[in-house]
């Protein structure tokens, strides 16, 4: 009984002296509460589906799980127990020096994009989105930033609807001999409504409050 008591006292003293726990090592790092050492095995955290992860009651901030379906990966709760905010530990971003790249899926934002604004600033890696039309066509919001070309010899009509987003802009090019007639409610310095001739270029700009400007190489 005395030996057991002394052993217990010794263990308590050792825990107070080290204040760390080591698995696979007797000298855990002083900065770690728990250090696991191995050269042939890893740490396996709980694995579960999205539904199971979502069903965790009051998950602690910093809780880690591995999700096995949907967008698979390691997730951490960056929120609170009352309002969980699960974030995936992302491995799709690649960093090289000061450059970062994302090669899987799309990047979107609902806020403001900011960046360099100087004579040396540039945007690279974007190819022009050129669409070809051969019949009457109605502009849509998806045409924002596009170059729309007509290569045929037959006259066609391009309708400009209301409701385009503010800042919308696209370029229409008459590559063929067929003249393009623009219809809809828009502003134009001369009141012209047709492309001038083959190889003429016309811009469509939405400046807000439904102020759409159609201008360029145009005629009646």
C-alpha atoms as a PDB file:
ATOM      1  CA  UNK A   1       0.000   0.000   0.000  1.00  0.00           C
ATOM      2  CA  UNK A   2       2.843   2.368   0.895  1.00  0.00           C
ATOM      3  CA  UNK A   3       4.611   1.548  -2.392  1.00  0.00           C
ATOM      4  CA  UNK A   4       1.474   2.383  -4.368  1.00  0.00           C
ATOM      5  CA  UNK A   5       1.088   5.644  -2.486  1.00  0.00           C
ATOM      6  CA  UNK A   6       4.699   6.602  -3.139  1.00  0.00           C
ATOM      7  CA  UNK A   7       4.300   5.707  -6.823  1.00  0.00           C
ATOM      8  CA  UNK A   8       1.212   7.917  -7.041  1.00  0.00           C
ATOM      9  CA  UNK A   9       3.042  10.802  -5.374  1.00  0.00           C
ATOM     10  CA  UNK A  10       5.931  10.338  -7.807  1.00  0.00           C
ATOM     11  CA  UNK A  11       3.621  10.435 -10.811  1.00  0.00           C
ATOM     12  CA  UNK A  12       1.956  13.607  -9.562  1.00  0.00           C
ATOM     13  CA  UNK A  13       5.337  15.253  -9.003  1.00  0.00           C
ATOM     14  CA  UNK A  14       6.456  14.255 -12.509  1.00  0.00           C
ATOM     15  CA  UNK A  15       3.290  15.722 -14.048  1.00  0.00           C
ATOM     16  CA  UNK A  16       3.786  18.969 -12.115  1.00  0.00           C
ATOM     17  CA  UNK A  17       7.425  19.185 -13.177  1.00  0.00           C
ATOM     18  CA  UNK A  18       6.835  18.562 -16.876  1.00  0.00           C
ATOM     19  CA  UNK A  19       3.224  19.721 -17.342  1.00  0.00           C
ATOM     20  CA  UNK A  20       3.334  17.961 -20.730  1.00  0.00           C
ATOM     21  CA  UNK A  21       2.332  14.542 -21.980  1.00  0.00           C
ATOM     22  CA  UNK A  22       4.338  12.561 -24.475  1.00  0.00           C
ATOM     23  CA  UNK A  23       3.166   9.633 -26.580  1.00  0.00           C
ATOM     24  CA  UNK A  24       6.068   7.846 -28.178  1.00  0.00           C
ATOM     25  CA  UNK A  25       8.503  10.172 -26.420  1.00  0.00           C
ATOM     26  CA  UNK A  26       9.614  10.742 -22.854  1.00  0.00           C
ATOM     27  CA  UNK A  27      10.690  14.326 -23.565  1.00  0.00           C
ATOM     28  CA  UNK A  28       7.728  16.221 -25.014  1.00  0.00           C
ATOM     29  CA  UNK A  29       8.471  19.723 -26.211  1.00  0.00           C
ATOM     30  CA  UNK A  30       8.054  22.350 -23.524  1.00  0.00           C
ATOM     31  CA  UNK A  31       5.673  24.363 -25.732  1.00  0.00           C
ATOM     32  CA  UNK A  32       3.307  21.408 -26.279  1.00  0.00           C
ATOM     33  CA  UNK A  33       0.724  20.125 -23.831  1.00  0.00           C
ATOM     34  CA  UNK A  34       0.689  16.887 -25.829  1.00  0.00           C
ATOM     35  CA  UNK A  35       3.361  15.653 -28.228  1.00  0.00           C
ATOM     36  CA  UNK A  36       2.905  12.524 -30.309  1.00  0.00           C
ATOM     37  CA  UNK A  37       6.088  11.141 -31.826  1.00  0.00           C
ATOM     38  CA  UNK A  38       6.226   8.532 -34.576  1.00  0.00           C
ATOM     39  CA  UNK A  39       8.153   7.884 -37.745  1.00  0.00           C
ATOM     40  CA  UNK A  40       5.720   5.407 -39.288  1.00  0.00           C
ATOM     41  CA  UNK A  41       2.221   6.391 -38.079  1.00  0.00           C
ATOM     42  CA  UNK A  42       0.000   9.475 -38.148  1.00  0.00           C
ATOM     43  CA  UNK A  43      -2.752  11.097 -36.119  1.00  0.00           C
ATOM     44  CA  UNK A  44      -6.275  10.004 -37.098  1.00  0.00           C
ATOM     45  CA  UNK A  45      -9.019  12.483 -36.182  1.00  0.00           C
ATOM     46  CA  UNK A  46     -12.756  11.654 -36.231  1.00  0.00           C
ATOM     47  CA  UNK A  47     -14.143  10.934 -39.715  1.00  0.00           C
ATOM     48  CA  UNK A  48     -17.764  11.715 -40.537  1.00  0.00           C
ATOM     49  CA  UNK A  49     -20.181  12.836 -43.229  1.00  0.00           C
ATOM     50  CA  UNK A  50     -21.409  16.401 -43.737  1.00  0.00           C
ATOM     51  CA  UNK A  51     -24.723  15.499 -42.083  1.00  0.00           C
ATOM     52  CA  UNK A  52     -22.931  14.045 -39.087  1.00  0.00           C
ATOM     53  CA  UNK A  53     -20.668  17.085 -38.766  1.00  0.00           C
ATOM     54  CA  UNK A  54     -23.643  19.420 -38.971  1.00  0.00           C
ATOM     55  CA  UNK A  55     -25.430  17.403 -36.265  1.00  0.00           C
ATOM     56  CA  UNK A  56     -22.651  17.899 -33.686  1.00  0.00           C
ATOM     57  CA  UNK A  57     -24.218  19.594 -30.664  1.00  0.00           C
ATOM     58  CA  UNK A  58     -22.497  22.820 -29.553  1.00  0.00           C
ATOM     59  CA  UNK A  59     -19.165  22.160 -31.293  1.00  0.00           C
ATOM     60  CA  UNK A  60     -16.291  23.870 -29.526  1.00  0.00           C
ATOM     61  CA  UNK A  61     -14.320  26.630 -31.217  1.00  0.00           C
ATOM     62  CA  UNK A  62     -11.311  24.952 -32.828  1.00  0.00           C
ATOM     63  CA  UNK A  63     -12.961  21.525 -33.095  1.00  0.00           C
ATOM     64  CA  UNK A  64     -11.444  19.461 -35.924  1.00  0.00           C
ATOM     65  CA  UNK A  65     -13.124  16.718 -37.969  1.00  0.00           C
ATOM     66  CA  UNK A  66     -12.452  15.030 -41.312  1.00  0.00           C
ATOM     67  CA  UNK A  67     -15.465  15.168 -43.674  1.00  0.00           C
ATOM     68  CA  UNK A  68     -15.784  12.118 -45.925  1.00  0.00           C
ATOM     69  CA  UNK A  69     -18.399  13.319 -48.433  1.00  0.00           C
ATOM     70  CA  UNK A  70     -19.334  16.500 -50.312  1.00  0.00           C
ATOM     71  CA  UNK A  71     -16.240  18.712 -50.348  1.00  0.00           C
ATOM     72  CA  UNK A  72     -13.926  16.251 -48.618  1.00  0.00           C
ATOM     73  CA  UNK A  73     -11.301  17.508 -46.200  1.00  0.00           C
ATOM     74  CA  UNK A  74     -10.375  18.608 -42.702  1.00  0.00           C
ATOM     75  CA  UNK A  75     -12.802  21.136 -41.196  1.00  0.00           C
ATOM     76  CA  UNK A  76     -12.355  23.408 -38.183  1.00  0.00           C
ATOM     77  CA  UNK A  77     -15.059  25.307 -36.318  1.00  0.00           C
ATOM     78  CA  UNK A  78     -13.907  28.932 -36.426  1.00  0.00           C
ATOM     79  CA  UNK A  79     -17.139  30.111 -34.816  1.00  0.00           C
ATOM     80  CA  UNK A  80     -18.624  29.563 -31.394  1.00  0.00           C
ATOM     81  CA  UNK A  81     -20.504  26.650 -29.891  1.00  0.00           C
ATOM     82  CA  UNK A  82     -23.753  28.566 -30.326  1.00  0.00           C
ATOM     83  CA  UNK A  83     -22.957  29.743 -33.857  1.00  0.00           C
ATOM     84  CA  UNK A  84     -20.614  27.242 -35.562  1.00  0.00           C
ATOM     85  CA  UNK A  85     -18.710  28.379 -38.658  1.00  0.00           C
ATOM     86  CA  UNK A  86     -17.062  25.383 -40.254  1.00  0.00           C
ATOM     87  CA  UNK A  87     -14.099  26.168 -42.497  1.00  0.00           C
ATOM     88  CA  UNK A  88     -12.280  23.635 -44.620  1.00  0.00           C
ATOM     89  CA  UNK A  89      -8.524  23.557 -44.236  1.00  0.00           C
ATOM     90  CA  UNK A  90      -7.985  24.388 -47.903  1.00  0.00           C
ATOM     91  CA  UNK A  91      -5.330  22.629 -49.950  1.00  0.00           C
ATOM     92  CA  UNK A  92      -6.342  24.065 -53.360  1.00  0.00           C
ATOM     93  CA  UNK A  93      -4.270  27.223 -52.977  1.00  0.00           C
ATOM     94  CA  UNK A  94      -0.671  27.007 -54.147  1.00  0.00           C
ATOM     95  CA  UNK A  95       1.890  29.562 -53.019  1.00  0.00           C
ATOM     96  CA  UNK A  96       5.172  30.220 -54.806  1.00  0.00           C
ATOM     97  CA  UNK A  97       7.144  33.081 -53.332  1.00  0.00           C
ATOM     98  CA  UNK A  98       4.773  36.057 -53.220  1.00  0.00           C
ATOM     99  CA  UNK A  99       2.380  34.499 -55.772  1.00  0.00           C
ATOM    100  CA  UNK A 100      -0.701  32.446 -54.959  1.00  0.00           C
ATOM    101  CA  UNK A 101      -2.763  30.367 -57.378  1.00  0.00           C
ATOM    102  CA  UNK A 102      -6.122  28.595 -57.224  1.00  0.00           C
ATOM    103  CA  UNK A 103      -6.661  25.971 -59.898  1.00  0.00           C
ATOM    104  CA  UNK A 104      -9.865  24.243 -58.775  1.00  0.00           C
ATOM    105  CA  UNK A 105     -13.287  25.817 -59.282  1.00  0.00           C
ATOM    106  CA  UNK A 106     -14.104  29.528 -59.322  1.00  0.00           C
ATOM    107  CA  UNK A 107     -13.202  32.512 -57.169  1.00  0.00           C
ATOM    108  CA  UNK A 108     -16.022  34.914 -56.316  1.00  0.00           C
ATOM    109  CA  UNK A 109     -16.580  37.860 -54.010  1.00  0.00           C
ATOM    110  CA  UNK A 110     -19.512  39.941 -52.829  1.00  0.00           C
ATOM    111  CA  UNK A 111     -17.284  42.718 -51.515  1.00  0.00           C
ATOM    112  CA  UNK A 112     -14.772  45.092 -53.040  1.00  0.00           C
ATOM    113  CA  UNK A 113     -11.692  43.855 -54.837  1.00  0.00           C
ATOM    114  CA  UNK A 114      -8.670  46.046 -54.255  1.00  0.00           C
ATOM    115  CA  UNK A 115      -5.152  45.951 -55.593  1.00  0.00           C
ATOM    116  CA  UNK A 116      -2.316  47.915 -57.103  1.00  0.00           C
ATOM    117  CA  UNK A 117      -3.209  51.072 -58.947  1.00  0.00           C
ATOM    118  CA  UNK A 118      -0.097  52.423 -60.612  1.00  0.00           C
ATOM    119  CA  UNK A 119       1.504  52.690 -64.009  1.00  0.00           C
ATOM    120  CA  UNK A 120       3.073  49.278 -63.470  1.00  0.00           C
ATOM    121  CA  UNK A 121      -0.124  47.483 -62.407  1.00  0.00           C
ATOM    122  CA  UNK A 122      -1.454  44.959 -64.888  1.00  0.00           C
ATOM    123  CA  UNK A 123      -3.875  42.068 -65.263  1.00  0.00           C
ATOM    124  CA  UNK A 124      -2.580  38.987 -67.008  1.00  0.00           C
ATOM    125  CA  UNK A 125      -3.740  35.470 -67.721  1.00  0.00           C
ATOM    126  CA  UNK A 126      -7.199  36.420 -69.007  1.00  0.00           C
ATOM    127  CA  UNK A 127      -8.200  35.541 -72.576  1.00  0.00           C
ATOM    128  CA  UNK A 128     -10.753  37.643 -74.440  1.00  0.00           C
ATOM    129  CA  UNK A 129     -14.265  36.164 -74.491  1.00  0.00           C
ATOM    130  CA  UNK A 130     -15.376  36.426 -78.119  1.00  0.00           C
ATOM    131  CA  UNK A 131     -18.858  35.288 -79.154  1.00  0.00           C
ATOM    132  CA  UNK A 132     -20.122  34.994 -82.730  1.00  0.00           C
ATOM    133  CA  UNK A 133     -23.733  35.679 -83.707  1.00  0.00           C
ATOM    134  CA  UNK A 134     -25.374  35.009 -87.067  1.00  0.00           C
ATOM    135  CA  UNK A 135     -29.026  35.898 -86.370  1.00  0.00           C
ATOM    136  CA  UNK A 136     -31.082  38.402 -84.382  1.00  0.00           C
ATOM    137  CA  UNK A 137     -29.727  38.532 -80.840  1.00  0.00           C
ATOM    138  CA  UNK A 138     -30.700  40.011 -77.456  1.00  0.00           C
ATOM    139  CA  UNK A 139     -27.951  41.235 -75.148  1.00  0.00           C
ATOM    140  CA  UNK A 140     -27.941  39.641 -71.660  1.00  0.00           C
ATOM    141  CA  UNK A 141     -26.036  40.325 -68.434  1.00  0.00           C
ATOM    142  CA  UNK A 142     -23.825  37.337 -69.271  1.00  0.00           C
ATOM    143  CA  UNK A 143     -22.412  39.334 -72.200  1.00  0.00           C
ATOM    144  CA  UNK A 144     -20.668  41.726 -69.812  1.00  0.00           C
ATOM    145  CA  UNK A 145     -17.067  42.139 -70.938  1.00  0.00           C
ATOM    146  CA  UNK A 146     -17.538  40.140 -74.137  1.00  0.00           C
ATOM    147  CA  UNK A 147     -16.653  40.939 -77.723  1.00  0.00           C
ATOM    148  CA  UNK A 148     -19.643  40.014 -79.902  1.00  0.00           C
ATOM    149  CA  UNK A 149     -18.957  39.666 -83.600  1.00  0.00           C
ATOM    150  CA  UNK A 150     -21.208  39.173 -86.603  1.00  0.00           C
ATOM    151  CA  UNK A 151     -19.469  37.572 -89.568  1.00  0.00           C
ATOM    152  CA  UNK A 152     -22.392  37.042 -91.907  1.00  0.00           C
ATOM    153  CA  UNK A 153     -23.569  38.973 -94.925  1.00  0.00           C
ATOM    154  CA  UNK A 154     -27.190  39.240 -93.763  1.00  0.00           C
ATOM    155  CA  UNK A 155     -28.486  42.206 -91.781  1.00  0.00           C
ATOM    156  CA  UNK A 156     -29.363  41.309 -88.188  1.00  0.00           C
ATOM    157  CA  UNK A 157     -30.808  43.083 -85.145  1.00  0.00           C
ATOM    158  CA  UNK A 158     -29.231  43.310 -81.679  1.00  0.00           C
ATOM    159  CA  UNK A 159     -31.716  44.164 -78.910  1.00  0.00           C
ATOM    160  CA  UNK A 160     -30.538  46.037 -75.805  1.00  0.00           C
ATOM    161  CA  UNK A 161     -32.937  45.283 -72.916  1.00  0.00           C
ATOM    162  CA  UNK A 162     -33.529  47.189 -69.703  1.00  0.00           C
ATOM    163  CA  UNK A 163     -32.248  45.702 -66.461  1.00  0.00           C
ATOM    164  CA  UNK A 164     -28.619  45.257 -67.442  1.00  0.00           C
ATOM    165  CA  UNK A 165     -26.285  45.704 -64.439  1.00  0.00           C
ATOM    166  CA  UNK A 166     -24.676  49.076 -63.813  1.00  0.00           C
ATOM    167  CA  UNK A 167     -21.193  49.066 -65.296  1.00  0.00           C
ATOM    168  CA  UNK A 168     -22.167  46.595 -68.009  1.00  0.00           C
ATOM    169  CA  UNK A 169     -20.057  46.950 -71.121  1.00  0.00           C
ATOM    170  CA  UNK A 170     -19.508  44.927 -74.255  1.00  0.00           C
ATOM    171  CA  UNK A 171     -18.214  45.516 -77.754  1.00  0.00           C
ATOM    172  CA  UNK A 172     -20.047  44.581 -80.953  1.00  0.00           C
ATOM    173  CA  UNK A 173     -17.986  44.184 -84.135  1.00  0.00           C
ATOM    174  CA  UNK A 174     -19.428  43.934 -87.647  1.00  0.00           C
ATOM    175  CA  UNK A 175     -16.935  41.593 -89.271  1.00  0.00           C
ATOM    176  CA  UNK A 176     -19.141  40.595 -92.203  1.00  0.00           C
ATOM    177  CA  UNK A 177     -20.989  42.652 -94.782  1.00  0.00           C
ATOM    178  CA  UNK A 178     -24.336  42.348 -92.982  1.00  0.00           C
ATOM    179  CA  UNK A 179     -25.233  45.567 -91.150  1.00  0.00           C
ATOM    180  CA  UNK A 180     -26.244  45.411 -87.484  1.00  0.00           C
ATOM    181  CA  UNK A 181     -29.279  47.357 -86.257  1.00  0.00           C
ATOM    182  CA  UNK A 182     -29.497  48.178 -82.537  1.00  0.00           C
ATOM    183  CA  UNK A 183     -32.901  48.317 -80.860  1.00  0.00           C
ATOM    184  CA  UNK A 184     -34.024  49.287 -77.361  1.00  0.00           C
ATOM    185  CA  UNK A 185     -33.893  52.414 -75.220  1.00  0.00           C
ATOM    186  CA  UNK A 186     -30.442  53.913 -75.199  1.00  0.00           C
ATOM    187  CA  UNK A 187     -28.543  57.185 -75.559  1.00  0.00           C
ATOM    188  CA  UNK A 188     -26.624  58.102 -78.676  1.00  0.00           C
ATOM    189  CA  UNK A 189     -24.984  61.380 -79.611  1.00  0.00           C
ATOM    190  CA  UNK A 190     -26.200  61.327 -83.209  1.00  0.00           C
ATOM    191  CA  UNK A 191     -29.265  59.130 -82.956  1.00  0.00           C
ATOM    192  CA  UNK A 192     -27.706  56.509 -85.246  1.00  0.00           C
ATOM    193  CA  UNK A 193     -28.920  52.956 -84.788  1.00  0.00           C
ATOM    194  CA  UNK A 194     -26.835  50.841 -87.197  1.00  0.00           C
ATOM    195  CA  UNK A 195     -23.243  49.745 -87.474  1.00  0.00           C
ATOM    196  CA  UNK A 196     -21.513  51.861 -90.105  1.00  0.00           C
ATOM    197  CA  UNK A 197     -20.033  49.181 -92.349  1.00  0.00           C
ATOM    198  CA  UNK A 198     -17.857  46.106 -92.377  1.00  0.00           C
ATOM    199  CA  UNK A 199     -15.252  46.125 -89.569  1.00  0.00           C
ATOM    200  CA  UNK A 200     -17.087  48.840 -87.632  1.00  0.00           C
ATOM    201  CA  UNK A 201     -16.890  48.714 -83.836  1.00  0.00           C
ATOM    202  CA  UNK A 202     -19.722  49.681 -81.466  1.00  0.00           C
ATOM    203  CA  UNK A 203     -19.629  49.863 -77.639  1.00  0.00           C
ATOM    204  CA  UNK A 204     -22.563  49.308 -75.286  1.00  0.00           C
ATOM    205  CA  UNK A 205     -22.163  50.917 -71.834  1.00  0.00           C
ATOM    206  CA  UNK A 206     -24.570  50.982 -68.862  1.00  0.00           C
ATOM    207  CA  UNK A 207     -23.828  53.941 -66.568  1.00  0.00           C
ATOM    208  CA  UNK A 208     -26.641  53.412 -64.050  1.00  0.00           C
ATOM    209  CA  UNK A 209     -30.231  54.669 -63.736  1.00  0.00           C
ATOM    210  CA  UNK A 210     -30.896  52.787 -66.968  1.00  0.00           C
ATOM    211  CA  UNK A 211     -28.584  55.188 -68.842  1.00  0.00           C
ATOM    212  CA  UNK A 212     -27.319  52.940 -71.612  1.00  0.00           C
ATOM    213  CA  UNK A 213     -24.989  54.437 -74.186  1.00  0.00           C
ATOM    214  CA  UNK A 214     -24.472  52.869 -77.600  1.00  0.00           C
ATOM    215  CA  UNK A 215     -21.698  54.585 -79.487  1.00  0.00           C
ATOM    216  CA  UNK A 216     -18.953  53.992 -82.017  1.00  0.00           C
ATOM    217  CA  UNK A 217     -18.801  53.623 -85.784  1.00  0.00           C
ATOM    218  CA  UNK A 218     -22.535  53.967 -86.503  1.00  0.00           C
ATOM    219  CA  UNK A 219     -24.867  55.268 -89.201  1.00  0.00           C
ATOM    220  CA  UNK A 220     -28.556  55.420 -90.140  1.00  0.00           C
END
